[in-house]
Amino acid sequence: MTVREARAHLADHINRAEHGDSTVITRNGVPVAALVPIADFNALEEAADELLAREAEAVLAEGGPTVTMAELLADLFEDRGEGTG
């Protein structure tokens, strides 16, 4: 369904999602978004969290590098500052 169609019938597609149906939204024929049942979204989020946790455990098991929360936050804020000003 196109963005225009989704906009025109959003309530209908929300109702469909409540009943377990997903809707893929396209722009110029290319899929760009999906309206999915919240249970599917939550399952995807949980699976992504599990995958990241397993990857972190594997890095630690191999003796990979670790950083403190302070170091992580400093790196994140430093990256945000690049390219500004």
PDB file of N, CA and C in Angstrom:
ATOM      1  N   MET A   1       0.835  -1.162   0.000  1.00  0.00           N
ATOM      2  CA  MET A   1       0.000   0.000   0.000  1.00  0.00           C
ATOM      3  C   MET A   1       0.887   1.235   0.000  1.00  0.00           C
ATOM      4  N   THR A   2       0.498   2.233  -0.717  1.00  0.00           N
ATOM      5  CA  THR A   2       1.289   3.463  -0.799  1.00  0.00           C
ATOM      6  C   THR A   2       1.106   4.305   0.458  1.00  0.00           C
ATOM      7  N   VAL A   3       2.001   5.253   0.643  1.00  0.00           N
ATOM      8  CA  VAL A   3       1.897   6.169   1.780  1.00  0.00           C
ATOM      9  C   VAL A   3       0.564   6.909   1.722  1.00  0.00           C
ATOM     10  N   ARG A   4       0.179   7.342   0.541  1.00  0.00           N
ATOM     11  CA  ARG A   4      -1.085   8.070   0.383  1.00  0.00           C
ATOM     12  C   ARG A   4      -2.272   7.206   0.806  1.00  0.00           C
ATOM     13  N   GLU A   5      -2.286   5.956   0.359  1.00  0.00           N
ATOM     14  CA  GLU A   5      -3.368   5.045   0.735  1.00  0.00           C
ATOM     15  C   GLU A   5      -3.360   4.779   2.247  1.00  0.00           C
ATOM     16  N   ALA A   6      -2.174   4.620   2.813  1.00  0.00           N
ATOM     17  CA  ALA A   6      -2.069   4.364   4.252  1.00  0.00           C
ATOM     18  C   ALA A   6      -2.618   5.539   5.045  1.00  0.00           C
ATOM     19  N   ARG A   7      -2.265   6.737   4.595  1.00  0.00           N
ATOM     20  CA  ARG A   7      -2.758   7.937   5.271  1.00  0.00           C
ATOM     21  C   ARG A   7      -4.284   8.007   5.212  1.00  0.00           C
ATOM     22  N   ALA A   8      -4.833   7.714   4.060  1.00  0.00           N
ATOM     23  CA  ALA A   8      -6.275   7.823   3.865  1.00  0.00           C
ATOM     24  C   ALA A   8      -7.060   6.781   4.659  1.00  0.00           C
ATOM     25  N   HIS A   9      -6.411   5.645   4.957  1.00  0.00           N
ATOM     26  CA  HIS A   9      -7.119   4.548   5.617  1.00  0.00           C
ATOM     27  C   HIS A   9      -6.396   4.063   6.869  1.00  0.00           C
ATOM     28  N   LEU A  10      -5.733   4.974   7.553  1.00  0.00           N
ATOM     29  CA  LEU A  10      -4.922   4.593   8.709  1.00  0.00           C
ATOM     30  C   LEU A  10      -5.739   3.853   9.762  1.00  0.00           C
ATOM     31  N   ALA A  11      -6.894   4.345  10.095  1.00  0.00           N
ATOM     32  CA  ALA A  11      -7.715   3.699  11.124  1.00  0.00           C
ATOM     33  C   ALA A  11      -8.039   2.256  10.736  1.00  0.00           C
ATOM     34  N   ASP A  12      -8.317   2.029   9.471  1.00  0.00           N
ATOM     35  CA  ASP A  12      -8.605   0.666   9.012  1.00  0.00           C
ATOM     36  C   ASP A  12      -7.403  -0.248   9.203  1.00  0.00           C
ATOM     37  N   HIS A  13      -6.225   0.264   8.922  1.00  0.00           N
ATOM     38  CA  HIS A  13      -5.020  -0.561   9.040  1.00  0.00           C
ATOM     39  C   HIS A  13      -4.628  -0.785  10.497  1.00  0.00           C
ATOM     40  N   ILE A  14      -4.946   0.165  11.342  1.00  0.00           N
ATOM     41  CA  ILE A  14      -4.738  -0.043  12.783  1.00  0.00           C
ATOM     42  C   ILE A  14      -5.678  -1.147  13.264  1.00  0.00           C
ATOM     43  N   ASN A  15      -6.906  -1.127  12.807  1.00  0.00           N
ATOM     44  CA  ASN A  15      -7.858  -2.188  13.166  1.00  0.00           C
ATOM     45  C   ASN A  15      -7.362  -3.541  12.666  1.00  0.00           C
ATOM     46  N   ARG A  16      -6.828  -3.579  11.468  1.00  0.00           N
ATOM     47  CA  ARG A  16      -6.282  -4.837  10.926  1.00  0.00           C
ATOM     48  C   ARG A  16      -5.126  -5.325  11.783  1.00  0.00           C
ATOM     49  N   ALA A  17      -4.260  -4.403  12.220  1.00  0.00           N
ATOM     50  CA  ALA A  17      -3.127  -4.784  13.067  1.00  0.00           C
ATOM     51  C   ALA A  17      -3.637  -5.365  14.390  1.00  0.00           C
ATOM     52  N   GLU A  18      -4.691  -4.766  14.924  1.00  0.00           N
ATOM     53  CA  GLU A  18      -5.266  -5.290  16.166  1.00  0.00           C
ATOM     54  C   GLU A  18      -5.761  -6.725  16.000  1.00  0.00           C
ATOM     55  N   HIS A  19      -6.126  -7.072  14.775  1.00  0.00           N
ATOM     56  CA  HIS A  19      -6.618  -8.424  14.492  1.00  0.00           C
ATOM     57  C   HIS A  19      -5.524  -9.349  13.957  1.00  0.00           C
ATOM     58  N   GLY A  20      -4.273  -8.884  14.003  1.00  0.00           N
ATOM     59  CA  GLY A  20      -3.159  -9.759  13.640  1.00  0.00           C
ATOM     60  C   GLY A  20      -2.613  -9.607  12.238  1.00  0.00           C
ATOM     61  N   ASP A  21      -3.116  -8.669  11.456  1.00  0.00           N
ATOM     62  CA  ASP A  21      -2.644  -8.486  10.080  1.00  0.00           C
ATOM     63  C   ASP A  21      -1.644  -7.339   9.988  1.00  0.00           C
ATOM     64  N   SER A  22      -0.631  -7.525   9.181  1.00  0.00           N
ATOM     65  CA  SER A  22       0.375  -6.489   8.943  1.00  0.00           C
ATOM     66  C   SER A  22       0.093  -5.772   7.636  1.00  0.00           C
ATOM     67  N   THR A  23       0.549  -4.533   7.546  1.00  0.00           N
ATOM     68  CA  THR A  23       0.430  -3.752   6.321  1.00  0.00           C
ATOM     69  C   THR A  23       1.804  -3.191   5.980  1.00  0.00           C
ATOM     70  N   VAL A  24       2.268  -3.446   4.772  1.00  0.00           N
ATOM     71  CA  VAL A  24       3.534  -2.891   4.300  1.00  0.00           C
ATOM     72  C   VAL A  24       3.218  -1.622   3.524  1.00  0.00           C
ATOM     73  N   ILE A  25       3.951  -0.560   3.826  1.00  0.00           N
ATOM     74  CA  ILE A  25       3.735   0.735   3.178  1.00  0.00           C
ATOM     75  C   ILE A  25       4.910   0.999   2.247  1.00  0.00           C
ATOM     76  N   THR A  26       4.589   1.444   1.041  1.00  0.00           N
ATOM     77  CA  THR A  26       5.626   1.686   0.030  1.00  0.00           C
ATOM     78  C   THR A  26       5.674   3.153  -0.369  1.00  0.00           C
ATOM     79  N   ARG A  27       6.844   3.547  -0.855  1.00  0.00           N
ATOM     80  CA  ARG A  27       7.022   4.869  -1.448  1.00  0.00           C
ATOM     81  C   ARG A  27       7.723   4.631  -2.779  1.00  0.00           C
ATOM     82  N   ASN A  28       7.096   5.063  -3.836  1.00  0.00           N
ATOM     83  CA  ASN A  28       7.632   4.834  -5.188  1.00  0.00           C
ATOM     84  C   ASN A  28       7.895   3.358  -5.428  1.00  0.00           C
ATOM     85  N   GLY A  29       6.997   2.516  -4.916  1.00  0.00           N
ATOM     86  CA  GLY A  29       7.097   1.079  -5.134  1.00  0.00           C
ATOM     87  C   GLY A  29       8.096   0.354  -4.248  1.00  0.00           C
ATOM     88  N   VAL A  30       8.765   1.076  -3.356  1.00  0.00           N
ATOM     89  CA  VAL A  30       9.775   0.478  -2.474  1.00  0.00           C
ATOM     90  C   VAL A  30       9.211   0.410  -1.048  1.00  0.00           C
ATOM     91  N   PRO A  31       9.233  -0.780  -0.419  1.00  0.00           N
ATOM     92  CA  PRO A  31       8.762  -0.876   0.964  1.00  0.00           C
ATOM     93  C   PRO A  31       9.601   0.011   1.882  1.00  0.00           C
ATOM     94  N   VAL A  32       8.927   0.842   2.692  1.00  0.00           N
ATOM     95  CA  VAL A  32       9.633   1.762   3.586  1.00  0.00           C
ATOM     96  C   VAL A  32       9.197   1.631   5.042  1.00  0.00           C
ATOM     97  N   ALA A  33       8.055   0.999   5.286  1.00  0.00           N
ATOM     98  CA  ALA A  33       7.559   0.880   6.660  1.00  0.00           C
ATOM     99  C   ALA A  33       6.543  -0.248   6.721  1.00  0.00           C
ATOM    100  N   ALA A  34       6.233  -0.636   7.951  1.00  0.00           N
ATOM    101  CA  ALA A  34       5.199  -1.653   8.151  1.00  0.00           C
ATOM    102  C   ALA A  34       4.414  -1.315   9.398  1.00  0.00           C
ATOM    103  N   LEU A  35       3.135  -1.505   9.318  1.00  0.00           N
ATOM    104  CA  LEU A  35       2.251  -1.375  10.465  1.00  0.00           C
ATOM    105  C   LEU A  35       1.941  -2.803  10.882  1.00  0.00           C
ATOM    106  N   VAL A  36       2.411  -3.193  12.065  1.00  0.00           N
ATOM    107  CA  VAL A  36       2.303  -4.581  12.494  1.00  0.00           C
ATOM    108  C   VAL A  36       1.591  -4.671  13.837  1.00  0.00           C
ATOM    109  N   PRO A  37       1.044  -5.840  14.135  1.00  0.00           N
ATOM    110  CA  PRO A  37       0.452  -6.025  15.460  1.00  0.00           C
ATOM    111  C   PRO A  37       1.511  -5.801  16.541  1.00  0.00           C
ATOM    112  N   ILE A  38       1.113  -5.219  17.651  1.00  0.00           N
ATOM    113  CA  ILE A  38       2.068  -4.893  18.711  1.00  0.00           C
ATOM    114  C   ILE A  38       2.753  -6.148  19.232  1.00  0.00           C
ATOM    115  N   ALA A  39       2.088  -7.273  19.247  1.00  0.00           N
ATOM    116  CA  ALA A  39       2.719  -8.519  19.707  1.00  0.00           C
ATOM    117  C   ALA A  39       3.895  -8.885  18.803  1.00  0.00           C
ATOM    118  N   ASP A  40       3.747  -8.684  17.491  1.00  0.00           N
ATOM    119  CA  ASP A  40       4.848  -8.952  16.560  1.00  0.00           C
ATOM    120  C   ASP A  40       6.003  -7.990  16.796  1.00  0.00           C
ATOM    121  N   PHE A  41       5.677  -6.733  17.010  1.00  0.00           N
ATOM    122  CA  PHE A  41       6.710  -5.734  17.278  1.00  0.00           C
ATOM    123  C   PHE A  41       7.469  -6.071  18.557  1.00  0.00           C
ATOM    124  N   ASN A  42       6.737  -6.411  19.612  1.00  0.00           N
ATOM    125  CA  ASN A  42       7.376  -6.761  20.883  1.00  0.00           C
ATOM    126  C   ASN A  42       8.261  -7.991  20.733  1.00  0.00           C
ATOM    127  N   ALA A  43       7.809  -8.986  19.987  1.00  0.00           N
ATOM    128  CA  ALA A  43       8.610 -10.193  19.767  1.00  0.00           C
ATOM    129  C   ALA A  43       9.888  -9.856  19.016  1.00  0.00           C
ATOM    130  N   LEU A  44       9.805  -8.970  18.045  1.00  0.00           N
ATOM    131  CA  LEU A  44      10.987  -8.549  17.295  1.00  0.00           C
ATOM    132  C   LEU A  44      11.972  -7.812  18.196  1.00  0.00           C
ATOM    133  N   GLU A  45      11.464  -6.927  19.032  1.00  0.00           N
ATOM    134  CA  GLU A  45      12.318  -6.200  19.982  1.00  0.00           C
ATOM    135  C   GLU A  45      13.020  -7.168  20.934  1.00  0.00           C
ATOM    136  N   GLU A  46      12.285  -8.139  21.456  1.00  0.00           N
ATOM    137  CA  GLU A  46      12.871  -9.115  22.371  1.00  0.00           C
ATOM    138  C   GLU A  46      13.936  -9.955  21.668  1.00  0.00           C
ATOM    139  N   ALA A  47      13.672 -10.343  20.428  1.00  0.00           N
ATOM    140  CA  ALA A  47      14.645 -11.137  19.676  1.00  0.00           C
ATOM    141  C   ALA A  47      15.911 -10.330  19.416  1.00  0.00           C
ATOM    142  N   ALA A  48      15.765  -9.057  19.098  1.00  0.00           N
ATOM    143  CA  ALA A  48      16.926  -8.203  18.868  1.00  0.00           C
ATOM    144  C   ALA A  48      17.736  -8.046  20.145  1.00  0.00           C
ATOM    145  N   ASP A  49      17.060  -7.855  21.277  1.00  0.00           N
ATOM    146  CA  ASP A  49      17.752  -7.751  22.563  1.00  0.00           C
ATOM    147  C   ASP A  49      18.511  -9.034  22.876  1.00  0.00           C
ATOM    148  N   GLU A  50      17.883 -10.184  22.630  1.00  0.00           N
ATOM    149  CA  GLU A  50      18.525 -11.473  22.883  1.00  0.00           C
ATOM    150  C   GLU A  50      19.751 -11.651  22.003  1.00  0.00           C
ATOM    151  N   LEU A  51      19.647 -11.286  20.752  1.00  0.00           N
ATOM    152  CA  LEU A  51      20.784 -11.397  19.835  1.00  0.00           C
ATOM    153  C   LEU A  51      21.941 -10.523  20.295  1.00  0.00           C
ATOM    154  N   LEU A  52      21.658  -9.290  20.685  1.00  0.00           N
ATOM    155  CA  LEU A  52      22.709  -8.402  21.164  1.00  0.00           C
ATOM    156  C   LEU A  52      23.354  -8.936  22.436  1.00  0.00           C
ATOM    157  N   ALA A  53      22.556  -9.503  23.322  1.00  0.00           N
ATOM    158  CA  ALA A  53      23.096 -10.070  24.563  1.00  0.00           C
ATOM    159  C   ALA A  53      24.005 -11.248  24.253  1.00  0.00           C
ATOM    160  N   ARG A  54      23.608 -12.096  23.318  1.00  0.00           N
ATOM    161  CA  ARG A  54      24.448 -13.243  22.939  1.00  0.00           C
ATOM    162  C   ARG A  54      25.754 -12.785  22.307  1.00  0.00           C
ATOM    163  N   GLU A  55      25.680 -11.761  21.463  1.00  0.00           N
ATOM    164  CA  GLU A  55      26.898 -11.237  20.844  1.00  0.00           C
ATOM    165  C   GLU A  55      27.838 -10.662  21.899  1.00  0.00           C
ATOM    166  N   ALA A  56      27.286  -9.958  22.880  1.00  0.00           N
ATOM    167  CA  ALA A  56      28.103  -9.392  23.954  1.00  0.00           C
ATOM    168  C   ALA A  56      28.744 -10.500  24.778  1.00  0.00           C
ATOM    169  N   GLU A  57      27.982 -11.540  25.080  1.00  0.00           N
ATOM    170  CA  GLU A  57      28.530 -12.666  25.837  1.00  0.00           C
ATOM    171  C   GLU A  57      29.662 -13.340  25.067  1.00  0.00           C
ATOM    172  N   ALA A  58      29.517 -13.469  23.752  1.00  0.00           N
ATOM    173  CA  ALA A  58      30.558 -14.094  22.934  1.00  0.00           C
ATOM    174  C   ALA A  58      31.840 -13.263  22.954  1.00  0.00           C
ATOM    175  N   VAL A  59      31.695 -11.951  22.871  1.00  0.00           N
ATOM    176  CA  VAL A  59      32.872 -11.064  22.909  1.00  0.00           C
ATOM    177  C   VAL A  59      33.575 -11.200  24.258  1.00  0.00           C
ATOM    178  N   LEU A  60      32.803 -11.214  25.329  1.00  0.00           N
ATOM    179  CA  LEU A  60      33.396 -11.355  26.661  1.00  0.00           C
ATOM    180  C   LEU A  60      34.072 -12.710  26.832  1.00  0.00           C
ATOM    181  N   ALA A  61      33.463 -13.771  26.313  1.00  0.00           N
ATOM    182  CA  ALA A  61      34.028 -15.115  26.423  1.00  0.00           C
ATOM    183  C   ALA A  61      35.356 -15.217  25.684  1.00  0.00           C
ATOM    184  N   GLU A  62      35.500 -14.429  24.631  1.00  0.00           N
ATOM    185  CA  GLU A  62      36.745 -14.433  23.855  1.00  0.00           C
ATOM    186  C   GLU A  62      37.777 -13.479  24.426  1.00  0.00           C
ATOM    187  N   GLY A  63      37.451 -12.872  25.566  1.00  0.00           N
ATOM    188  CA  GLY A  63      38.385 -11.924  26.172  1.00  0.00           C
ATOM    189  C   GLY A  63      38.393 -10.586  25.474  1.00  0.00           C
ATOM    190  N   GLY A  64      37.295 -10.263  24.837  1.00  0.00           N
ATOM    191  CA  GLY A  64      37.188  -9.001  24.108  1.00  0.00           C
ATOM    192  C   GLY A  64      37.227  -7.808  25.045  1.00  0.00           C
ATOM    193  N   PRO A  65      37.369  -6.625  24.472  1.00  0.00           N
ATOM    194  CA  PRO A  65      37.500  -5.416  25.289  1.00  0.00           C
ATOM    195  C   PRO A  65      36.186  -5.059  25.988  1.00  0.00           C
ATOM    196  N   THR A  66      36.318  -4.449  27.138  1.00  0.00           N
ATOM    197  CA  THR A  66      35.158  -3.932  27.861  1.00  0.00           C
ATOM    198  C   THR A  66      35.394  -2.456  28.151  1.00  0.00           C
ATOM    199  N   VAL A  67      34.312  -1.730  28.360  1.00  0.00           N
ATOM    200  CA  VAL A  67      34.410  -0.317  28.708  1.00  0.00           C
ATOM    201  C   VAL A  67      33.446  -0.047  29.852  1.00  0.00           C
ATOM    202  N   THR A  68      33.748   0.980  30.610  1.00  0.00           N
ATOM    203  CA  THR A  68      32.833   1.383  31.675  1.00  0.00           C
ATOM    204  C   THR A  68      31.683   2.175  31.069  1.00  0.00           C
ATOM    205  N   MET A  69      30.621   2.334  31.826  1.00  0.00           N
ATOM    206  CA  MET A  69      29.484   3.136  31.361  1.00  0.00           C
ATOM    207  C   MET A  69      29.932   4.568  31.112  1.00  0.00           C
ATOM    208  N   ALA A  70      30.798   5.089  31.961  1.00  0.00           N
ATOM    209  CA  ALA A  70      31.288   6.459  31.777  1.00  0.00           C
ATOM    210  C   ALA A  70      32.037   6.587  30.453  1.00  0.00           C
ATOM    211  N   GLU A  71      32.858   5.589  30.111  1.00  0.00           N
ATOM    212  CA  GLU A  71      33.591   5.626  28.842  1.00  0.00           C
ATOM    213  C   GLU A  71      32.629   5.550  27.660  1.00  0.00           C
ATOM    214  N   LEU A  72      31.638   4.701  27.790  1.00  0.00           N
ATOM    215  CA  LEU A  72      30.651   4.561  26.726  1.00  0.00           C
ATOM    216  C   LEU A  72      29.904   5.868  26.497  1.00  0.00           C
ATOM    217  N   LEU A  73      29.443   6.482  27.571  1.00  0.00           N
ATOM    218  CA  LEU A  73      28.721   7.748  27.449  1.00  0.00           C
ATOM    219  C   LEU A  73      29.611   8.852  26.881  1.00  0.00           C
ATOM    220  N   ALA A  74      30.862   8.890  27.321  1.00  0.00           N
ATOM    221  CA  ALA A  74      31.791   9.897  26.797  1.00  0.00           C
ATOM    222  C   ALA A  74      31.973   9.720  25.294  1.00  0.00           C
ATOM    223  N   ASP A  75      32.113   8.477  24.844  1.00  0.00           N
ATOM    224  CA  ASP A  75      32.255   8.218  23.411  1.00  0.00           C
ATOM    225  C   ASP A  75      31.006   8.624  22.645  1.00  0.00           C
ATOM    226  N   LEU A  76      29.841   8.320  23.200  1.00  0.00           N
ATOM    227  CA  LEU A  76      28.594   8.676  22.525  1.00  0.00           C
ATOM    228  C   LEU A  76      28.450  10.182  22.377  1.00  0.00           C
ATOM    229  N   PHE A  77      28.727  10.915  23.448  1.00  0.00           N
ATOM    230  CA  PHE A  77      28.588  12.366  23.386  1.00  0.00           C
ATOM    231  C   PHE A  77      29.662  12.992  22.516  1.00  0.00           C
ATOM    232  N   GLU A  78      30.838  12.401  22.480  1.00  0.00           N
ATOM    233  CA  GLU A  78      31.899  12.893  21.603  1.00  0.00           C
ATOM    234  C   GLU A  78      31.488  12.736  20.146  1.00  0.00           C
ATOM    235  N   ASP A  79      30.901  11.593  19.805  1.00  0.00           N
ATOM    236  CA  ASP A  79      30.438  11.355  18.435  1.00  0.00           C
ATOM    237  C   ASP A  79      29.355  12.346  18.039  1.00  0.00           C
ATOM    238  N   ARG A  80      28.462  12.696  18.963  1.00  0.00           N
ATOM    239  CA  ARG A  80      27.397  13.659  18.664  1.00  0.00           C
ATOM    240  C   ARG A  80      27.976  15.031  18.356  1.00  0.00           C
ATOM    241  N   GLY A  81      29.093  15.363  18.966  1.00  0.00           N
ATOM    242  CA  GLY A  81      29.696  16.676  18.782  1.00  0.00           C
ATOM    243  C   GLY A  81      30.427  16.816  17.462  1.00  0.00           C
ATOM    244  N   GLU A  82      30.796  15.700  16.831  1.00  0.00           N
ATOM    245  CA  GLU A  82      31.521  15.779  15.572  1.00  0.00           C
ATOM    246  C   GLU A  82      30.624  16.309  14.469  1.00  0.00           C
ATOM    247  N   GLY A  83      31.177  17.163  13.657  1.00  0.00           N
ATOM    248  CA  GLY A  83      30.446  17.685  12.522  1.00  0.00           C
ATOM    249  C   GLY A  83      29.525  18.840  12.858  1.00  0.00           C
ATOM    250  N   THR A  84      29.501  19.266  14.118  1.00  0.00           N
ATOM    251  CA  THR A  84      28.662  20.410  14.472  1.00  0.00           C
ATOM    252  C   THR A  84      29.552  21.607  14.718  1.00  0.00           C
ATOM    253  N   GLY A  85      28.977  22.771  14.585  1.00  0.00           N
ATOM    254  CA  GLY A  85      29.690  23.986  14.913  1.00  0.00           C
ATOM    255  C   GLY A  85      30.380  24.646  13.792  1.00  0.00           C
TER     256      GLY A  85
END
